[in-house]
Each structure stands twice: as C-alpha cells, then as structure tokens.
Amino acid sequence: MNYYNEIKNELINNEITKRVKDYSKNKSDLNTYYNVGKLLVEAQGGEKRAKYGDGLIKEYSKKLTLELGKGYSAMNLKNMRKFYIKIKKGQTLSVQLSWSHYVELLPFDDINKINIILK
C-alpha cells in the first residue's frame, strides 16, 4: 500500500466535497435571497411602491432578528429587495458569484455596466 497516495487521495476527495458543498450552499443562498427580495417587493405593493416601503422592511427585520437571530438587518433585507429587482430586469444569476459579490454590484444602476463587470 502506498500511504502517501492514499493520504493524497483522501485530501483531494475532501477538497472536492467541500467545493461541491460550497457551490450548493451559494446557489441556495442566492435563490433564497432572490425569493425573499421578490416577496418583499410583493408585500410592499409592487416595485414602484417598494422604493418607499422601508417601514415594512424595518418591521420585518426586527421580527426576523428576534425569531431567527442576526443576519436580517434592514440593510440586508433592502439588499435582497434590490437584488431581486436588478436580476428580474434581465441580469443572469451567476452562481460563480457569492452574495457578497452581488452586494458589491448592487449600487450600479446601469444594467449594462453590471453586464460588463460580470463578463
């Protein structure tokens, strides 16, 4: 038995498993945040009214934080809403990017600029 090769194979298999899990987790996170954004827009009466519905987001943020713990700040929920609105307008959802990457792209209002960055 070649112990070195066995050890190496174990480590390689572990790395592959971790990357598959990371990919799946990221995809799940992006889908969840997209869906939450969609629900927030709908709860606020549509996209045009959603821009002015920060009171509802603050209320949901307080409730979610109490019931589920941290990670549901008003800013994070606003980012989810913005994420949904931007992706809905024609952006492709790349699972190569993490939620943090998308949060960095959200300030760009021009979808063409985002397309250039994503290519």
PDB file of N, CA and C in Angstrom:
ATOM      1  N   MET A   1       0.847  -1.180   0.000  1.00  0.00           N
ATOM      2  CA  MET A   1       0.000   0.000   0.000  1.00  0.00           C
ATOM      3  C   MET A   1       0.891   1.242   0.000  1.00  0.00           C
ATOM      4  N   ASN A   2       0.544   2.186  -0.873  1.00  0.00           N
ATOM      5  CA  ASN A   2       1.267   3.444  -0.926  1.00  0.00           C
ATOM      6  C   ASN A   2       0.498   4.451  -0.068  1.00  0.00           C
ATOM      7  N   TYR A   3       0.986   4.656   1.145  1.00  0.00           N
ATOM      8  CA  TYR A   3       0.281   5.511   2.096  1.00  0.00           C
ATOM      9  C   TYR A   3       0.207   6.965   1.629  1.00  0.00           C
ATOM     10  N   TYR A   4       1.253   7.413   0.988  1.00  0.00           N
ATOM     11  CA  TYR A   4       1.245   8.797   0.500  1.00  0.00           C
ATOM     12  C   TYR A   4       0.086   9.010  -0.475  1.00  0.00           C
ATOM     13  N   ASN A   5      -0.053   8.112  -1.439  1.00  0.00           N
ATOM     14  CA  ASN A   5      -1.136   8.241  -2.415  1.00  0.00           C
ATOM     15  C   ASN A   5      -2.508   8.138  -1.758  1.00  0.00           C
ATOM     16  N   GLU A   6      -2.632   7.271  -0.767  1.00  0.00           N
ATOM     17  CA  GLU A   6      -3.898   7.142  -0.044  1.00  0.00           C
ATOM     18  C   GLU A   6      -4.232   8.434   0.695  1.00  0.00           C
ATOM     19  N   ILE A   7      -3.240   9.003   1.351  1.00  0.00           N
ATOM     20  CA  ILE A   7      -3.426  10.269   2.074  1.00  0.00           C
ATOM     21  C   ILE A   7      -3.792  11.372   1.084  1.00  0.00           C
ATOM     22  N   LYS A   8      -3.054  11.455  -0.002  1.00  0.00           N
ATOM     23  CA  LYS A   8      -3.304  12.467  -1.032  1.00  0.00           C
ATOM     24  C   LYS A   8      -4.717  12.332  -1.595  1.00  0.00           C
ATOM     25  N   ASN A   9      -5.143  11.103  -1.890  1.00  0.00           N
ATOM     26  CA  ASN A   9      -6.489  10.876  -2.412  1.00  0.00           C
ATOM     27  C   ASN A   9      -7.564  11.295  -1.409  1.00  0.00           C
ATOM     28  N   GLU A  10      -7.347  11.002  -0.150  1.00  0.00           N
ATOM     29  CA  GLU A  10      -8.296  11.422   0.892  1.00  0.00           C
ATOM     30  C   GLU A  10      -8.428  12.941   0.926  1.00  0.00           C
ATOM     31  N   LEU A  11      -7.297  13.623   0.859  1.00  0.00           N
ATOM     32  CA  LEU A  11      -7.306  15.085   0.897  1.00  0.00           C
ATOM     33  C   LEU A  11      -7.955  15.677  -0.355  1.00  0.00           C
ATOM     34  N   ILE A  12      -7.668  15.108  -1.507  1.00  0.00           N
ATOM     35  CA  ILE A  12      -8.279  15.581  -2.755  1.00  0.00           C
ATOM     36  C   ILE A  12      -9.787  15.368  -2.721  1.00  0.00           C
ATOM     37  N   ASN A  13     -10.225  14.201  -2.282  1.00  0.00           N
ATOM     38  CA  ASN A  13     -11.661  13.923  -2.180  1.00  0.00           C
ATOM     39  C   ASN A  13     -12.349  14.890  -1.228  1.00  0.00           C
ATOM     40  N   ASN A  14     -11.685  15.210  -0.131  1.00  0.00           N
ATOM     41  CA  ASN A  14     -12.239  16.160   0.827  1.00  0.00           C
ATOM     42  C   ASN A  14     -12.382  17.547   0.197  1.00  0.00           C
ATOM     43  N   GLU A  15     -11.378  17.986  -0.547  1.00  0.00           N
ATOM     44  CA  GLU A  15     -11.441  19.290  -1.214  1.00  0.00           C
ATOM     45  C   GLU A  15     -12.578  19.332  -2.233  1.00  0.00           C
ATOM     46  N   ILE A  16     -12.739  18.276  -2.982  1.00  0.00           N
ATOM     47  CA  ILE A  16     -13.820  18.209  -3.964  1.00  0.00           C
ATOM     48  C   ILE A  16     -15.172  18.299  -3.258  1.00  0.00           C
ATOM     49  N   THR A  17     -15.332  17.552  -2.190  1.00  0.00           N
ATOM     50  CA  THR A  17     -16.582  17.564  -1.428  1.00  0.00           C
ATOM     51  C   THR A  17     -16.869  18.954  -0.877  1.00  0.00           C
ATOM     52  N   LYS A  18     -15.852  19.614  -0.339  1.00  0.00           N
ATOM     53  CA  LYS A  18     -16.043  20.964   0.202  1.00  0.00           C
ATOM     54  C   LYS A  18     -16.478  21.932  -0.888  1.00  0.00           C
ATOM     55  N   ARG A  19     -15.867  21.843  -2.046  1.00  0.00           N
ATOM     56  CA  ARG A  19     -16.213  22.769  -3.133  1.00  0.00           C
ATOM     57  C   ARG A  19     -17.627  22.526  -3.646  1.00  0.00           C
ATOM     58  N   VAL A  20     -18.034  21.277  -3.721  1.00  0.00           N
ATOM     59  CA  VAL A  20     -19.400  20.974  -4.150  1.00  0.00           C
ATOM     60  C   VAL A  20     -20.385  21.519  -3.122  1.00  0.00           C
ATOM     61  N   LYS A  21     -20.092  21.345  -1.851  1.00  0.00           N
ATOM     62  CA  LYS A  21     -20.971  21.861  -0.804  1.00  0.00           C
ATOM     63  C   LYS A  21     -21.024  23.385  -0.858  1.00  0.00           C
ATOM     64  N   ASP A  22     -19.861  24.038  -1.041  1.00  0.00           N
ATOM     65  CA  ASP A  22     -19.817  25.499  -1.138  1.00  0.00           C
ATOM     66  C   ASP A  22     -20.653  25.980  -2.313  1.00  0.00           C
ATOM     67  N   TYR A  23     -20.526  25.323  -3.447  1.00  0.00           N
ATOM     68  CA  TYR A  23     -21.285  25.687  -4.637  1.00  0.00           C
ATOM     69  C   TYR A  23     -22.784  25.552  -4.370  1.00  0.00           C
ATOM     70  N   SER A  24     -23.184  24.442  -3.775  1.00  0.00           N
ATOM     71  CA  SER A  24     -24.594  24.201  -3.483  1.00  0.00           C
ATOM     72  C   SER A  24     -25.133  25.212  -2.476  1.00  0.00           C
ATOM     73  N   LYS A  25     -24.331  25.514  -1.465  1.00  0.00           N
ATOM     74  CA  LYS A  25     -24.750  26.486  -0.448  1.00  0.00           C
ATOM     75  C   LYS A  25     -24.907  27.860  -1.071  1.00  0.00           C
ATOM     76  N   ASN A  26     -23.952  28.264  -1.908  1.00  0.00           N
ATOM     77  CA  ASN A  26     -24.019  29.568  -2.551  1.00  0.00           C
ATOM     78  C   ASN A  26     -25.250  29.655  -3.451  1.00  0.00           C
ATOM     79  N   LYS A  27     -25.503  28.608  -4.220  1.00  0.00           N
ATOM     80  CA  LYS A  27     -26.669  28.592  -5.106  1.00  0.00           C
ATOM     81  C   LYS A  27     -27.952  28.702  -4.287  1.00  0.00           C
ATOM     82  N   SER A  28     -28.011  27.978  -3.193  1.00  0.00           N
ATOM     83  CA  SER A  28     -29.180  28.023  -2.317  1.00  0.00           C
ATOM     84  C   SER A  28     -29.349  29.419  -1.713  1.00  0.00           C
ATOM     85  N   ASP A  29     -28.255  30.026  -1.261  1.00  0.00           N
ATOM     86  CA  ASP A  29     -28.313  31.380  -0.697  1.00  0.00           C
ATOM     87  C   ASP A  29     -28.852  32.367  -1.724  1.00  0.00           C
ATOM     88  N   LEU A  30     -28.306  32.331  -2.937  1.00  0.00           N
ATOM     89  CA  LEU A  30     -28.733  33.269  -3.973  1.00  0.00           C
ATOM     90  C   LEU A  30     -30.204  33.085  -4.318  1.00  0.00           C
ATOM     91  N   ASN A  31     -30.654  31.844  -4.434  1.00  0.00           N
ATOM     92  CA  ASN A  31     -32.073  31.585  -4.711  1.00  0.00           C
ATOM     93  C   ASN A  31     -32.957  32.083  -3.575  1.00  0.00           C
ATOM     94  N   THR A  32     -32.529  31.843  -2.351  1.00  0.00           N
ATOM     95  CA  THR A  32     -33.294  32.284  -1.186  1.00  0.00           C
ATOM     96  C   THR A  32     -33.384  33.801  -1.144  1.00  0.00           C
ATOM     97  N   TYR A  33     -32.260  34.488  -1.328  1.00  0.00           N
ATOM     98  CA  TYR A  33     -32.262  35.952  -1.260  1.00  0.00           C
ATOM     99  C   TYR A  33     -33.070  36.556  -2.402  1.00  0.00           C
ATOM    100  N   TYR A  34     -33.036  35.944  -3.572  1.00  0.00           N
ATOM    101  CA  TYR A  34     -33.858  36.384  -4.701  1.00  0.00           C
ATOM    102  C   TYR A  34     -35.342  36.254  -4.331  1.00  0.00           C
ATOM    103  N   ASN A  35     -35.721  35.106  -3.789  1.00  0.00           N
ATOM    104  CA  ASN A  35     -37.117  34.871  -3.410  1.00  0.00           C
ATOM    105  C   ASN A  35     -37.567  35.804  -2.294  1.00  0.00           C
ATOM    106  N   VAL A  36     -36.697  36.049  -1.315  1.00  0.00           N
ATOM    107  CA  VAL A  36     -37.034  36.986  -0.236  1.00  0.00           C
ATOM    108  C   VAL A  36     -37.231  38.378  -0.821  1.00  0.00           C
ATOM    109  N   GLY A  37     -36.350  38.787  -1.726  1.00  0.00           N
ATOM    110  CA  GLY A  37     -36.489  40.093  -2.376  1.00  0.00           C
ATOM    111  C   GLY A  37     -37.807  40.207  -3.111  1.00  0.00           C
ATOM    112  N   LYS A  38     -38.182  39.158  -3.814  1.00  0.00           N
ATOM    113  CA  LYS A  38     -39.447  39.140  -4.547  1.00  0.00           C
ATOM    114  C   LYS A  38     -40.626  39.281  -3.582  1.00  0.00           C
ATOM    115  N   LEU A  39     -40.586  38.537  -2.496  1.00  0.00           N
ATOM    116  CA  LEU A  39     -41.661  38.605  -1.505  1.00  0.00           C
ATOM    117  C   LEU A  39     -41.744  39.985  -0.863  1.00  0.00           C
ATOM    118  N   LEU A  40     -40.591  40.609  -0.614  1.00  0.00           N
ATOM    119  CA  LEU A  40     -40.590  41.962  -0.048  1.00  0.00           C
ATOM    120  C   LEU A  40     -41.235  42.956  -1.014  1.00  0.00           C
ATOM    121  N   VAL A  41     -40.884  42.862  -2.292  1.00  0.00           N
ATOM    122  CA  VAL A  41     -41.480  43.753  -3.292  1.00  0.00           C
ATOM    123  C   VAL A  41     -42.994  43.545  -3.341  1.00  0.00           C
ATOM    124  N   GLU A  42     -43.421  42.294  -3.344  1.00  0.00           N
ATOM    125  CA  GLU A  42     -44.858  41.999  -3.379  1.00  0.00           C
ATOM    126  C   GLU A  42     -45.552  42.508  -2.119  1.00  0.00           C
ATOM    127  N   ALA A  43     -44.925  42.316  -0.949  1.00  0.00           N
ATOM    128  CA  ALA A  43     -45.511  42.759   0.316  1.00  0.00           C
ATOM    129  C   ALA A  43     -45.650  44.276   0.361  1.00  0.00           C
ATOM    130  N   GLN A  44     -44.781  44.957  -0.366  1.00  0.00           N
ATOM    131  CA  GLN A  44     -44.800  46.420  -0.376  1.00  0.00           C
ATOM    132  C   GLN A  44     -45.675  46.973  -1.497  1.00  0.00           C
ATOM    133  N   GLY A  45     -46.382  46.114  -2.207  1.00  0.00           N
ATOM    134  CA  GLY A  45     -47.314  46.576  -3.215  1.00  0.00           C
ATOM    135  C   GLY A  45     -46.729  46.777  -4.593  1.00  0.00           C
ATOM    136  N   GLY A  46     -45.623  46.129  -4.888  1.00  0.00           N
ATOM    137  CA  GLY A  46     -45.020  46.233  -6.217  1.00  0.00           C
ATOM    138  C   GLY A  46     -43.744  47.043  -6.213  1.00  0.00           C
ATOM    139  N   GLU A  47     -43.044  46.968  -7.322  1.00  0.00           N
ATOM    140  CA  GLU A  47     -41.717  47.575  -7.429  1.00  0.00           C
ATOM    141  C   GLU A  47     -41.733  49.090  -7.240  1.00  0.00           C
ATOM    142  N   LYS A  48     -42.715  49.781  -7.810  1.00  0.00           N
ATOM    143  CA  LYS A  48     -42.756  51.241  -7.691  1.00  0.00           C
ATOM    144  C   LYS A  48     -42.959  51.685  -6.256  1.00  0.00           C
ATOM    145  N   ARG A  49     -43.808  50.986  -5.538  1.00  0.00           N
ATOM    146  CA  ARG A  49     -44.071  51.348  -4.143  1.00  0.00           C
ATOM    147  C   ARG A  49     -42.985  50.819  -3.213  1.00  0.00           C
ATOM    148  N   ALA A  50     -42.275  49.775  -3.637  1.00  0.00           N
ATOM    149  CA  ALA A  50     -41.261  49.151  -2.781  1.00  0.00           C
ATOM    150  C   ALA A  50     -40.163  50.125  -2.402  1.00  0.00           C
ATOM    151  N   LYS A  51     -39.871  51.076  -3.282  1.00  0.00           N
ATOM    152  CA  LYS A  51     -38.816  52.054  -3.003  1.00  0.00           C
ATOM    153  C   LYS A  51     -39.119  52.857  -1.750  1.00  0.00           C
ATOM    154  N   TYR A  52     -40.407  53.003  -1.427  1.00  0.00           N
ATOM    155  CA  TYR A  52     -40.805  53.832  -0.295  1.00  0.00           C
ATOM    156  C   TYR A  52     -41.279  53.008   0.896  1.00  0.00           C
ATOM    157  N   GLY A  53     -41.124  51.696   0.840  1.00  0.00           N
ATOM    158  CA  GLY A  53     -41.661  50.823   1.867  1.00  0.00           C
ATOM    159  C   GLY A  53     -40.657  50.382   2.913  1.00  0.00           C
ATOM    160  N   ASP A  54     -39.761  51.270   3.312  1.00  0.00           N
ATOM    161  CA  ASP A  54     -38.729  50.880   4.267  1.00  0.00           C
ATOM    162  C   ASP A  54     -39.278  50.593   5.665  1.00  0.00           C
ATOM    163  N   GLY A  55     -40.449  51.125   5.987  1.00  0.00           N
ATOM    164  CA  GLY A  55     -41.056  50.847   7.290  1.00  0.00           C
ATOM    165  C   GLY A  55     -41.346  49.368   7.461  1.00  0.00           C
ATOM    166  N   LEU A  56     -41.866  48.767   6.412  1.00  0.00           N
ATOM    167  CA  LEU A  56     -42.168  47.335   6.439  1.00  0.00           C
ATOM    168  C   LEU A  56     -40.884  46.525   6.591  1.00  0.00           C
ATOM    169  N   ILE A  57     -39.854  46.929   5.886  1.00  0.00           N
ATOM    170  CA  ILE A  57     -38.574  46.220   5.983  1.00  0.00           C
ATOM    171  C   ILE A  57     -38.020  46.317   7.399  1.00  0.00           C
ATOM    172  N   LYS A  58     -38.111  47.473   8.012  1.00  0.00           N
ATOM    173  CA  LYS A  58     -37.629  47.631   9.397  1.00  0.00           C
ATOM    174  C   LYS A  58     -38.415  46.730  10.344  1.00  0.00           C
ATOM    175  N   GLU A  59     -39.718  46.668  10.135  1.00  0.00           N
ATOM    176  CA  GLU A  59     -40.567  45.809  10.968  1.00  0.00           C
ATOM    177  C   GLU A  59     -40.184  44.340  10.788  1.00  0.00           C
ATOM    178  N   TYR A  60     -40.046  43.901   9.540  1.00  0.00           N
ATOM    179  CA  TYR A  60     -39.665  42.513   9.272  1.00  0.00           C
ATOM    180  C   TYR A  60     -38.275  42.214   9.828  1.00  0.00           C
ATOM    181  N   SER A  61     -37.387  43.168   9.719  1.00  0.00           N
ATOM    182  CA  SER A  61     -36.030  42.986  10.222  1.00  0.00           C
ATOM    183  C   SER A  61     -36.034  42.726  11.728  1.00  0.00           C
ATOM    184  N   LYS A  62     -36.792  43.520  12.452  1.00  0.00           N
ATOM    185  CA  LYS A  62     -36.872  43.335  13.910  1.00  0.00           C
ATOM    186  C   LYS A  62     -37.430  41.958  14.260  1.00  0.00           C
ATOM    187  N   LYS A  63     -38.517  41.578  13.584  1.00  0.00           N
ATOM    188  CA  LYS A  63     -39.147  40.281  13.853  1.00  0.00           C
ATOM    189  C   LYS A  63     -38.218  39.121  13.510  1.00  0.00           C
ATOM    190  N   LEU A  64     -37.595  39.191  12.326  1.00  0.00           N
ATOM    191  CA  LEU A  64     -36.709  38.106  11.891  1.00  0.00           C
ATOM    192  C   LEU A  64     -35.501  37.987  12.809  1.00  0.00           C
ATOM    193  N   THR A  65     -34.954  39.112  13.229  1.00  0.00           N
ATOM    194  CA  THR A  65     -33.796  39.093  14.120  1.00  0.00           C
ATOM    195  C   THR A  65     -34.164  38.478  15.463  1.00  0.00           C
ATOM    196  N   LEU A  66     -35.344  38.822  15.980  1.00  0.00           N
ATOM    197  CA  LEU A  66     -35.792  38.231  17.245  1.00  0.00           C
ATOM    198  C   LEU A  66     -36.021  36.727  17.116  1.00  0.00           C
ATOM    199  N   GLU A  67     -36.627  36.317  16.014  1.00  0.00           N
ATOM    200  CA  GLU A  67     -37.007  34.917  15.860  1.00  0.00           C
ATOM    201  C   GLU A  67     -35.910  34.021  15.280  1.00  0.00           C
ATOM    202  N   LEU A  68     -35.049  34.598  14.420  1.00  0.00           N
ATOM    203  CA  LEU A  68     -34.050  33.768  13.737  1.00  0.00           C
ATOM    204  C   LEU A  68     -32.606  34.132  14.068  1.00  0.00           C
ATOM    205  N   GLY A  69     -32.392  35.245  14.735  1.00  0.00           N
ATOM    206  CA  GLY A  69     -31.036  35.663  15.070  1.00  0.00           C
ATOM    207  C   GLY A  69     -30.522  36.704  14.100  1.00  0.00           C
ATOM    208  N   LYS A  70     -29.241  37.030  14.247  1.00  0.00           N
ATOM    209  CA  LYS A  70     -28.676  38.107  13.425  1.00  0.00           C
ATOM    210  C   LYS A  70     -28.545  37.693  11.963  1.00  0.00           C
ATOM    211  N   GLY A  71     -28.338  38.682  11.105  1.00  0.00           N
ATOM    212  CA  GLY A  71     -28.207  38.433   9.682  1.00  0.00           C
ATOM    213  C   GLY A  71     -29.392  38.964   8.889  1.00  0.00           C
ATOM    214  N   TYR A  72     -30.351  39.555   9.580  1.00  0.00           N
ATOM    215  CA  TYR A  72     -31.563  40.037   8.915  1.00  0.00           C
ATOM    216  C   TYR A  72     -31.776  41.523   9.180  1.00  0.00           C
ATOM    217  N   SER A  73     -30.708  42.271   9.101  1.00  0.00           N
ATOM    218  CA  SER A  73     -30.791  43.719   9.311  1.00  0.00           C
ATOM    219  C   SER A  73     -31.643  44.335   8.205  1.00  0.00           C
ATOM    220  N   ALA A  74     -32.110  45.537   8.450  1.00  0.00           N
ATOM    221  CA  ALA A  74     -32.887  46.250   7.434  1.00  0.00           C
ATOM    222  C   ALA A  74     -32.050  46.426   6.172  1.00  0.00           C
ATOM    223  N   MET A  75     -30.770  46.709   6.323  1.00  0.00           N
ATOM    224  CA  MET A  75     -29.897  46.892   5.165  1.00  0.00           C
ATOM    225  C   MET A  75     -29.788  45.594   4.360  1.00  0.00           C
ATOM    226  N   ASN A  76     -29.670  44.475   5.040  1.00  0.00           N
ATOM    227  CA  ASN A  76     -29.572  43.193   4.345  1.00  0.00           C
ATOM    228  C   ASN A  76     -30.873  42.889   3.594  1.00  0.00           C
ATOM    229  N   LEU A  77     -32.005  43.156   4.219  1.00  0.00           N
ATOM    230  CA  LEU A  77     -33.289  42.935   3.545  1.00  0.00           C
ATOM    231  C   LEU A  77     -33.445  43.883   2.358  1.00  0.00           C
ATOM    232  N   LYS A  78     -32.997  45.126   2.493  1.00  0.00           N
ATOM    233  CA  LYS A  78     -33.037  46.067   1.365  1.00  0.00           C
ATOM    234  C   LYS A  78     -32.164  45.560   0.219  1.00  0.00           C
ATOM    235  N   ASN A  79     -31.017  44.986   0.561  1.00  0.00           N
ATOM    236  CA  ASN A  79     -30.148  44.421  -0.476  1.00  0.00           C
ATOM    237  C   ASN A  79     -30.826  43.257  -1.187  1.00  0.00           C
ATOM    238  N   MET A  80     -31.559  42.440  -0.449  1.00  0.00           N
ATOM    239  CA  MET A  80     -32.276  41.325  -1.065  1.00  0.00           C
ATOM    240  C   MET A  80     -33.344  41.853  -2.020  1.00  0.00           C
ATOM    241  N   ARG A  81     -34.039  42.909  -1.597  1.00  0.00           N
ATOM    242  CA  ARG A  81     -35.059  43.523  -2.450  1.00  0.00           C
ATOM    243  C   ARG A  81     -34.409  44.081  -3.720  1.00  0.00           C
ATOM    244  N   LYS A  82     -33.321  44.790  -3.550  1.00  0.00           N
ATOM    245  CA  LYS A  82     -32.613  45.384  -4.689  1.00  0.00           C
ATOM    246  C   LYS A  82     -32.068  44.285  -5.615  1.00  0.00           C
ATOM    247  N   PHE A  83     -31.567  43.215  -5.022  1.00  0.00           N
ATOM    248  CA  PHE A  83     -31.051  42.075  -5.770  1.00  0.00           C
ATOM    249  C   PHE A  83     -32.142  41.506  -6.674  1.00  0.00           C
ATOM    250  N   TYR A  84     -33.319  41.293  -6.113  1.00  0.00           N
ATOM    251  CA  TYR A  84     -34.435  40.769  -6.900  1.00  0.00           C
ATOM    252  C   TYR A  84     -34.768  41.717  -8.049  1.00  0.00           C
ATOM    253  N   ILE A  85     -34.882  42.995  -7.765  1.00  0.00           N
ATOM    254  CA  ILE A  85     -35.260  43.970  -8.785  1.00  0.00           C
ATOM    255  C   ILE A  85     -34.236  43.992  -9.917  1.00  0.00           C
ATOM    256  N   LYS A  86     -32.957  43.974  -9.579  1.00  0.00           N
ATOM    257  CA  LYS A  86     -31.917  44.032 -10.616  1.00  0.00           C
ATOM    258  C   LYS A  86     -31.876  42.745 -11.438  1.00  0.00           C
ATOM    259  N   ILE A  87     -31.957  41.603 -10.797  1.00  0.00           N
ATOM    260  CA  ILE A  87     -31.890  40.327 -11.503  1.00  0.00           C
ATOM    261  C   ILE A  87     -33.128  40.152 -12.371  1.00  0.00           C
ATOM    262  N   LYS A  88     -34.274  40.562 -11.857  1.00  0.00           N
ATOM    263  CA  LYS A  88     -35.533  40.450 -12.596  1.00  0.00           C
ATOM    264  C   LYS A  88     -35.472  41.234 -13.902  1.00  0.00           C
ATOM    265  N   LYS A  89     -34.715  42.304 -13.928  1.00  0.00           N
ATOM    266  CA  LYS A  89     -34.630  43.158 -15.116  1.00  0.00           C
ATOM    267  C   LYS A  89     -33.697  42.601 -16.180  1.00  0.00           C
ATOM    268  N   GLY A  90     -33.267  41.376 -16.049  1.00  0.00           N
ATOM    269  CA  GLY A  90     -32.518  40.772 -17.134  1.00  0.00           C
ATOM    270  C   GLY A  90     -31.118  40.296 -16.791  1.00  0.00           C
ATOM    271  N   GLN A  91     -30.669  40.528 -15.590  1.00  0.00           N
ATOM    272  CA  GLN A  91     -29.358  40.022 -15.210  1.00  0.00           C
ATOM    273  C   GLN A  91     -29.417  38.512 -15.084  1.00  0.00           C
ATOM    274  N   THR A  92     -28.371  37.866 -15.492  1.00  0.00           N
ATOM    275  CA  THR A  92     -28.302  36.429 -15.275  1.00  0.00           C
ATOM    276  C   THR A  92     -27.745  36.190 -13.878  1.00  0.00           C
ATOM    277  N   LEU A  93     -28.219  35.160 -13.249  1.00  0.00           N
ATOM    278  CA  LEU A  93     -27.790  34.820 -11.900  1.00  0.00           C
ATOM    279  C   LEU A  93     -26.616  33.869 -11.983  1.00  0.00           C
ATOM    280  N   SER A  94     -25.432  34.383 -11.738  1.00  0.00           N
ATOM    281  CA  SER A  94     -24.233  33.556 -11.810  1.00  0.00           C
ATOM    282  C   SER A  94     -23.926  32.974 -10.434  1.00  0.00           C
ATOM    283  N   VAL A  95     -23.953  31.653 -10.344  1.00  0.00           N
ATOM    284  CA  VAL A  95     -23.625  31.025  -9.061  1.00  0.00           C
ATOM    285  C   VAL A  95     -22.119  31.046  -8.810  1.00  0.00           C
ATOM    286  N   GLN A  96     -21.374  31.570  -9.787  1.00  0.00           N
ATOM    287  CA  GLN A  96     -19.938  31.747  -9.569  1.00  0.00           C
ATOM    288  C   GLN A  96     -19.684  32.891  -8.596  1.00  0.00           C
ATOM    289  N   LEU A  97     -20.660  33.795  -8.493  1.00  0.00           N
ATOM    290  CA  LEU A  97     -20.526  34.929  -7.589  1.00  0.00           C
ATOM    291  C   LEU A  97     -21.238  34.619  -6.283  1.00  0.00           C
ATOM    292  N   SER A  98     -20.683  35.104  -5.206  1.00  0.00           N
ATOM    293  CA  SER A  98     -21.314  34.913  -3.903  1.00  0.00           C
ATOM    294  C   SER A  98     -22.251  36.081  -3.613  1.00  0.00           C
ATOM    295  N   TRP A  99     -23.007  35.966  -2.542  1.00  0.00           N
ATOM    296  CA  TRP A  99     -23.887  37.045  -2.112  1.00  0.00           C
ATOM    297  C   TRP A  99     -23.076  38.316  -1.893  1.00  0.00           C
ATOM    298  N   SER A 100     -21.898  38.203  -1.314  1.00  0.00           N
ATOM    299  CA  SER A 100     -21.046  39.376  -1.072  1.00  0.00           C
ATOM    300  C   SER A 100     -20.683  40.063  -2.385  1.00  0.00           C
ATOM    301  N   HIS A 101     -20.411  39.288  -3.419  1.00  0.00           N
ATOM    302  CA  HIS A 101     -20.110  39.878  -4.722  1.00  0.00           C
ATOM    303  C   HIS A 101     -21.306  40.672  -5.249  1.00  0.00           C
ATOM    304  N   TYR A 102     -22.480  40.078  -5.139  1.00  0.00           N
ATOM    305  CA  TYR A 102     -23.666  40.761  -5.628  1.00  0.00           C
ATOM    306  C   TYR A 102     -23.950  42.036  -4.842  1.00  0.00           C
ATOM    307  N   VAL A 103     -23.731  42.004  -3.541  1.00  0.00           N
ATOM    308  CA  VAL A 103     -23.946  43.203  -2.729  1.00  0.00           C
ATOM    309  C   VAL A 103     -23.034  44.331  -3.211  1.00  0.00           C
ATOM    310  N   GLU A 104     -21.824  43.986  -3.622  1.00  0.00           N
ATOM    311  CA  GLU A 104     -20.897  44.996  -4.155  1.00  0.00           C
ATOM    312  C   GLU A 104     -21.396  45.563  -5.479  1.00  0.00           C
ATOM    313  N   LEU A 105     -22.123  44.776  -6.272  1.00  0.00           N
ATOM    314  CA  LEU A 105     -22.619  45.223  -7.569  1.00  0.00           C
ATOM    315  C   LEU A 105     -23.938  45.994  -7.478  1.00  0.00           C
ATOM    316  N   LEU A 106     -24.661  45.868  -6.384  1.00  0.00           N
ATOM    317  CA  LEU A 106     -25.975  46.482  -6.274  1.00  0.00           C
ATOM    318  C   LEU A 106     -25.989  48.003  -6.474  1.00  0.00           C
ATOM    319  N   PRO A 107     -24.973  48.740  -6.072  1.00  0.00           N
ATOM    320  CA  PRO A 107     -25.021  50.195  -6.280  1.00  0.00           C
ATOM    321  C   PRO A 107     -25.055  50.622  -7.746  1.00  0.00           C
ATOM    322  N   PHE A 108     -24.653  49.762  -8.669  1.00  0.00           N
ATOM    323  CA  PHE A 108     -24.676  50.114 -10.090  1.00  0.00           C
ATOM    324  C   PHE A 108     -26.115  50.119 -10.580  1.00  0.00           C
ATOM    325  N   ASP A 109     -26.582  51.260 -11.036  1.00  0.00           N
ATOM    326  CA  ASP A 109     -27.946  51.362 -11.544  1.00  0.00           C
ATOM    327  C   ASP A 109     -28.047  50.913 -12.995  1.00  0.00           C
ATOM    328  N   ASP A 110     -26.969  51.055 -13.722  1.00  0.00           N
ATOM    329  CA  ASP A 110     -26.974  50.724 -15.144  1.00  0.00           C
ATOM    330  C   ASP A 110     -26.685  49.238 -15.332  1.00  0.00           C
ATOM    331  N   ILE A 111     -27.658  48.505 -15.819  1.00  0.00           N
ATOM    332  CA  ILE A 111     -27.500  47.060 -16.006  1.00  0.00           C
ATOM    333  C   ILE A 111     -26.371  46.760 -16.988  1.00  0.00           C
ATOM    334  N   ASN A 112     -26.167  47.608 -17.964  1.00  0.00           N
ATOM    335  CA  ASN A 112     -25.083  47.381 -18.923  1.00  0.00           C
ATOM    336  C   ASN A 112     -23.727  47.389 -18.239  1.00  0.00           C
ATOM    337  N   LYS A 113     -23.539  48.252 -17.245  1.00  0.00           N
ATOM    338  CA  LYS A 113     -22.274  48.278 -16.503  1.00  0.00           C
ATOM    339  C   LYS A 113     -22.080  46.967 -15.743  1.00  0.00           C
ATOM    340  N   ILE A 114     -23.158  46.459 -15.178  1.00  0.00           N
ATOM    341  CA  ILE A 114     -23.074  45.178 -14.449  1.00  0.00           C
ATOM    342  C   ILE A 114     -22.741  44.062 -15.419  1.00  0.00           C
ATOM    343  N   ASN A 115     -23.365  44.057 -16.597  1.00  0.00           N
ATOM    344  CA  ASN A 115     -23.072  43.029 -17.608  1.00  0.00           C
ATOM    345  C   ASN A 115     -21.594  43.027 -17.980  1.00  0.00           C
ATOM    346  N   ILE A 116     -21.018  44.211 -18.132  1.00  0.00           N
ATOM    347  CA  ILE A 116     -19.593  44.322 -18.475  1.00  0.00           C
ATOM    348  C   ILE A 116     -18.747  43.733 -17.355  1.00  0.00           C
ATOM    349  N   ILE A 117     -19.091  44.042 -16.120  1.00  0.00           N
ATOM    350  CA  ILE A 117     -18.329  43.539 -14.978  1.00  0.00           C
ATOM    351  C   ILE A 117     -18.422  42.033 -14.877  1.00  0.00           C
ATOM    352  N   LEU A 118     -19.600  41.467 -15.147  1.00  0.00           N
ATOM    353  CA  LEU A 118     -19.815  40.029 -15.000  1.00  0.00           C
ATOM    354  C   LEU A 118     -19.166  39.211 -16.108  1.00  0.00           C
ATOM    355  N   LYS A 119     -18.857  39.844 -17.241  1.00  0.00           N
ATOM    356  CA  LYS A 119     -18.273  39.087 -18.363  1.00  0.00           C
ATOM    357  C   LYS A 119     -16.810  38.814 -18.159  1.00  0.00           C
TER     358      LYS A 119
END
